[in-house]
Amino acid sequence: MAKPLIFVTNDDGITAPGIRALIAAMNELGEVLVVAPDSVHSGKSHAVTIHQPLYLDAIKIDDGPQKEYKTNGMPVDAVKLGLAHAVQRRPDLLVSGLNHGVNNSVNVLYSGTMGAALEGAIEGIPSIGFSLDNYDWQADLEPAKHYMKKIARQVLQDGLPQGIALNVNIPYLPLNEIKGIKVARQAQDKWHENYDKRTNPFGRDYYWLNGNFSYEDKGTDTDVFALKNGYVSVVPVQYDLTAHHLINHLKNLEQ
């Protein structure tokens, strides 16, 4: 039997240490195809490129057996373009990451990592987005590789329901200090942004985004709580944004 085909992408760019660690981990589970952006596209969510041409170039970065392509597009472009022109058969699994920085709570909405994973789910492919609670490109990624393999292997075995992707956030701890995995809900926290107003040398005002993340959800069943307490958080997410529980309540609008 053929090995499972695993499609790998990310939003930090194809040379980022996180995706190289993810590729190495997936090479132990199946045949790997990589299609990823050629530069960083953090915070691009589910954006697609519609006003400029896209390129898809074969590339060789290391000695792994995987086939790799880079694109000038965004993470979702990488998935769409890769599925249209790089795969020879339908992938058994799509994995996105390993993102340098967490994508828990409301961050899932902004995340290019999760945008790519949800695009895989839209295509009916079991999909996972992996993120690490550390932004340092020199970070030790071996503990994360352990959990990426563990969770990916389970999804390859059991699959996922149609339209569902997993949002996985991994604490930055030594392997023996990670307490395990917690399946959780998305915390209801949010960003409080500020736009720092500055002036360029030509006298034109511009604005630089900054802000603070507000931990407002005090629940003990959330991804934020799990991560803070040394667990890998796993949240099932979906692209269907319908508030189903309100449909009947809003029926009076039809009168």
Protein backbone atom coordinates (compact mmCIF):
# COMPACT_ATOMS: atom_id res chain seq x y z
CA MET A 1 0.00 0.00 0.00
CA ALA A 2 1.14 3.56 -0.72
CA LYS A 3 2.25 5.68 2.19
CA PRO A 4 -0.22 8.37 3.26
CA LEU A 5 0.33 11.63 1.42
CA ILE A 6 0.84 14.56 3.78
CA PHE A 7 0.54 18.13 2.47
CA VAL A 8 2.65 20.59 4.50
CA THR A 9 2.34 24.37 4.47
CA ASN A 10 2.73 27.36 6.81
CA ASP A 11 2.57 31.16 7.10
CA ASP A 12 6.12 31.87 8.31
CA GLY A 13 7.70 31.01 4.98
CA ILE A 14 9.20 27.84 3.58
CA THR A 15 12.62 28.37 5.21
CA ALA A 16 11.29 28.95 8.75
CA PRO A 17 12.60 26.51 11.37
CA GLY A 18 9.04 25.62 12.37
CA ILE A 19 8.07 24.20 9.00
CA ARG A 20 11.40 22.40 8.69
CA ALA A 21 10.65 20.67 12.01
CA LEU A 22 7.13 19.83 10.86
CA ILE A 23 8.46 18.40 7.59
CA ALA A 24 10.96 16.23 9.47
CA ALA A 25 8.21 14.94 11.76
CA MET A 26 5.82 14.17 8.88
CA ASN A 27 8.56 12.36 6.93
CA GLU A 28 8.34 9.70 9.63
CA LEU A 29 4.63 9.19 8.95
CA GLY A 30 4.25 9.24 5.19
CA GLU A 31 5.08 10.77 1.82
CA VAL A 32 5.44 14.53 2.20
CA LEU A 33 4.59 17.29 -0.27
CA VAL A 34 5.44 20.86 0.76
CA VAL A 35 3.82 23.93 -0.79
CA ALA A 36 4.48 27.06 1.25
CA PRO A 37 4.90 30.82 0.88
CA ASP A 38 8.33 32.16 0.00
CA SER A 39 8.10 34.80 2.75
CA VAL A 40 6.31 35.56 6.01
CA HIS A 41 2.53 36.02 5.85
CA SER A 42 1.55 36.04 9.51
CA GLY A 43 -1.85 37.54 10.27
CA LYS A 44 -3.18 37.00 6.73
CA SER A 45 -6.00 34.73 7.94
CA HIS A 46 -7.93 33.33 4.93
CA ALA A 47 -6.78 35.97 2.44
CA VAL A 48 -6.23 35.01 -1.20
CA THR A 49 -4.35 36.73 -4.00
CA ILE A 50 -6.56 38.03 -6.81
CA HIS A 51 -4.79 41.06 -8.31
CA GLN A 52 -1.39 39.64 -9.19
CA PRO A 53 -0.04 36.45 -10.78
CA LEU A 54 1.07 33.53 -8.65
CA TYR A 55 4.19 31.44 -9.17
CA LEU A 56 4.90 27.88 -8.11
CA ASP A 57 8.59 26.96 -8.12
CA ALA A 58 10.20 23.67 -7.20
CA ILE A 59 12.85 24.15 -4.52
CA LYS A 60 15.32 22.00 -2.59
CA ILE A 61 16.26 23.19 0.89
CA ASP A 62 17.52 20.10 2.69
CA ASP A 63 18.22 16.42 2.02
CA GLY A 64 14.78 15.16 3.04
CA PRO A 65 12.82 12.94 0.64
CA GLN A 66 9.93 15.41 0.39
CA LYS A 67 8.96 17.32 -2.74
CA GLU A 68 8.85 21.06 -2.16
CA TYR A 69 7.42 24.10 -3.89
CA LYS A 70 7.46 27.75 -2.92
CA THR A 71 4.93 30.34 -3.99
CA ASN A 72 4.75 34.12 -3.85
CA GLY A 73 1.18 33.76 -2.59
CA MET A 74 -0.34 33.59 0.86
CA PRO A 75 -0.93 30.45 2.95
CA VAL A 76 -4.39 29.80 1.49
CA ASP A 77 -2.97 30.41 -1.99
CA ALA A 78 -0.35 27.76 -1.25
CA VAL A 79 -3.05 25.23 -0.43
CA LYS A 80 -5.25 26.08 -3.40
CA LEU A 81 -2.37 26.23 -5.88
CA GLY A 82 -0.74 23.11 -4.48
CA LEU A 83 -3.92 21.06 -4.68
CA ALA A 84 -4.52 22.27 -8.24
CA HIS A 85 -1.02 21.84 -9.67
CA ALA A 86 1.41 20.03 -7.34
CA VAL A 87 -0.35 16.93 -6.02
CA GLN A 88 -0.54 13.68 -7.96
CA ARG A 89 -3.21 12.24 -5.68
CA ARG A 90 -5.51 13.48 -2.98
CA PRO A 91 -3.66 14.17 0.30
CA ASP A 92 -4.60 12.04 3.29
CA LEU A 93 -3.67 14.83 5.69
CA LEU A 94 -2.89 18.55 5.54
CA VAL A 95 -0.74 20.10 8.26
CA SER A 96 0.12 23.78 8.67
CA GLY A 97 2.88 25.21 10.85
CA LEU A 98 4.76 24.86 13.05
CA ASN A 99 3.91 28.50 13.69
CA HIS A 100 6.35 30.58 15.71
CA GLY A 101 3.88 31.98 18.26
CA VAL A 102 0.54 30.81 19.61
CA ASN A 103 -2.76 30.83 17.76
CA ASN A 104 -5.09 30.19 20.65
CA SER A 105 -8.27 32.06 21.57
CA VAL A 106 -9.35 34.77 19.10
CA ASN A 107 -5.95 34.58 17.39
CA VAL A 108 -7.35 31.69 15.34
CA LEU A 109 -9.32 34.27 13.33
CA TYR A 110 -6.21 36.21 12.31
CA SER A 111 -3.89 33.28 11.78
CA GLY A 112 -2.50 32.44 8.36
CA THR A 113 -1.49 29.08 9.81
CA MET A 114 -5.10 28.28 10.62
CA GLY A 115 -6.37 29.88 7.41
CA ALA A 116 -4.40 27.23 5.51
CA ALA A 117 -5.65 24.44 7.79
CA LEU A 118 -9.26 25.54 7.35
CA GLU A 119 -8.78 25.65 3.58
CA GLY A 120 -7.78 22.01 3.81
CA ALA A 121 -10.94 21.30 5.78
CA ILE A 122 -13.02 23.08 3.12
CA GLU A 123 -11.51 20.68 0.60
CA GLY A 124 -12.52 17.72 2.76
CA ILE A 125 -8.95 16.88 3.84
CA PRO A 126 -8.31 16.11 7.52
CA SER A 127 -6.29 19.17 8.55
CA ILE A 128 -4.29 20.39 11.53
CA GLY A 129 -2.69 23.72 12.38
CA PHE A 130 0.28 23.54 14.78
CA SER A 131 1.61 26.52 16.77
CA LEU A 132 4.29 26.90 19.44
CA ASP A 133 4.25 29.25 22.41
CA ASN A 134 7.60 30.73 21.44
CA TYR A 135 8.65 33.25 18.78
CA ASP A 136 12.40 32.52 18.79
CA TRP A 137 13.63 30.96 15.56
CA GLN A 138 16.42 29.36 17.61
CA ALA A 139 13.97 27.58 19.92
CA ASP A 140 14.27 23.86 20.67
CA LEU A 141 11.58 22.26 18.49
CA GLU A 142 12.12 18.62 19.47
CA PRO A 143 9.31 18.50 22.08
CA ALA A 144 6.92 20.01 19.54
CA LYS A 145 7.94 17.40 16.95
CA HIS A 146 6.97 14.66 19.39
CA TYR A 147 3.44 16.00 19.76
CA MET A 148 3.04 16.89 16.10
CA LYS A 149 3.79 13.28 15.19
CA LYS A 150 1.51 11.94 17.90
CA ILE A 151 -1.50 14.03 16.89
CA ALA A 152 -0.95 13.66 13.14
CA ARG A 153 -0.65 9.90 13.48
CA GLN A 154 -3.96 9.77 15.35
CA VAL A 155 -5.73 11.90 12.72
CA LEU A 156 -4.32 9.73 9.93
CA GLN A 157 -5.74 6.71 11.74
CA ASP A 158 -9.14 8.07 12.76
CA GLY A 159 -9.77 10.96 10.36
CA LEU A 160 -11.84 14.05 11.18
CA PRO A 161 -15.46 14.97 10.46
CA GLN A 162 -16.15 16.90 7.28
CA GLY A 163 -15.39 20.61 7.66
CA ILE A 164 -13.39 20.30 10.89
CA ALA A 165 -9.74 21.18 11.46
CA LEU A 166 -7.71 20.93 14.66
CA ASN A 167 -6.06 24.00 16.17
CA VAL A 168 -3.11 22.69 18.19
CA ASN A 169 -1.02 24.92 20.45
CA ILE A 170 2.09 23.51 22.10
CA PRO A 171 3.71 24.96 25.24
CA TYR A 172 7.39 25.78 25.06
CA LEU A 173 8.65 23.36 27.68
CA PRO A 174 11.04 20.41 27.84
CA LEU A 175 9.30 17.23 26.75
CA ASN A 176 9.26 15.78 30.26
CA GLU A 177 7.54 18.91 31.59
CA ILE A 178 4.65 18.89 29.12
CA LYS A 179 1.77 17.32 31.03
CA GLY A 180 -0.04 15.87 28.02
CA ILE A 181 -2.88 16.88 25.73
CA LYS A 182 -6.11 18.69 26.62
CA VAL A 183 -9.02 18.92 24.20
CA ALA A 184 -10.43 22.37 24.88
CA ARG A 185 -12.68 25.14 23.68
CA GLN A 186 -11.50 28.44 22.25
CA ALA A 187 -11.04 31.01 25.02
CA GLN A 188 -13.15 34.15 24.75
CA ASP A 189 -10.24 36.55 25.09
CA LYS A 190 -9.35 39.48 22.83
CA TRP A 191 -6.82 42.04 21.77
CA HIS A 192 -6.97 45.68 22.83
CA GLU A 193 -5.15 47.47 20.02
CA ASN A 194 -3.58 50.87 19.78
CA TYR A 195 -2.25 52.59 16.68
CA ASP A 196 0.91 54.51 17.44
CA LYS A 197 0.84 57.68 15.31
CA ARG A 198 4.16 58.68 13.80
CA THR A 199 5.43 60.98 11.06
CA ASN A 200 7.73 59.92 8.24
CA PRO A 201 10.65 62.08 6.98
CA PHE A 202 8.37 63.60 4.33
CA GLY A 203 5.90 64.87 6.92
CA ARG A 204 3.19 62.31 6.28
CA ASP A 205 1.52 60.68 9.28
CA TYR A 206 1.45 56.91 9.53
CA TYR A 207 0.27 54.39 12.14
CA TRP A 208 1.97 51.37 13.68
CA LEU A 209 -0.21 48.68 15.26
CA ASN A 210 0.49 47.59 18.82
CA GLY A 211 -1.61 46.42 21.72
CA ASN A 212 -2.09 44.03 24.59
CA PHE A 213 -3.83 40.68 24.79
CA SER A 214 -6.54 40.65 27.44
CA TYR A 215 -7.17 37.37 29.26
CA GLU A 216 -10.85 37.81 30.05
CA ASP A 217 -12.09 34.19 29.97
CA LYS A 218 -11.61 32.59 33.40
CA GLY A 219 -12.73 29.12 32.35
CA THR A 220 -10.59 26.07 33.08
CA ASP A 221 -11.71 24.29 29.90
CA THR A 222 -10.06 26.66 27.40
CA ASP A 223 -7.05 26.49 25.13
CA VAL A 224 -5.45 29.40 26.97
CA PHE A 225 -5.84 27.68 30.36
CA ALA A 226 -4.46 24.40 29.00
CA LEU A 227 -1.41 26.08 27.50
CA LYS A 228 -0.69 28.14 30.62
CA ASN A 229 -0.80 24.98 32.69
CA GLY A 230 1.64 22.98 30.61
CA TYR A 231 -0.70 21.09 28.30
CA VAL A 232 -0.88 20.87 24.53
CA SER A 233 -4.28 22.35 23.65
CA VAL A 234 -6.38 20.84 20.87
CA VAL A 235 -9.46 22.75 19.70
CA PRO A 236 -11.70 21.44 16.91
CA VAL A 237 -12.61 24.41 14.70
CA GLN A 238 -14.85 24.80 11.65
CA TYR A 239 -15.28 27.16 8.74
CA ASP A 240 -19.08 27.22 9.15
CA LEU A 241 -19.56 30.49 11.09
CA THR A 242 -23.34 30.15 11.32
CA ALA A 243 -24.76 30.77 14.81
CA HIS A 244 -27.13 27.81 14.45
CA HIS A 245 -28.69 28.30 17.88
CA LEU A 246 -30.06 31.70 16.81
CA ILE A 247 -31.75 30.68 13.58
CA ASN A 248 -35.14 29.92 15.16
CA HIS A 249 -34.91 33.01 17.37
CA LEU A 250 -34.52 35.19 14.26
CA LYS A 251 -37.40 33.64 12.32
CA ASN A 252 -39.52 36.69 13.10
CA LEU A 253 -37.42 38.57 10.54
CA GLU A 254 -39.10 36.50 7.84
CA GLN A 255 -42.58 37.84 8.68
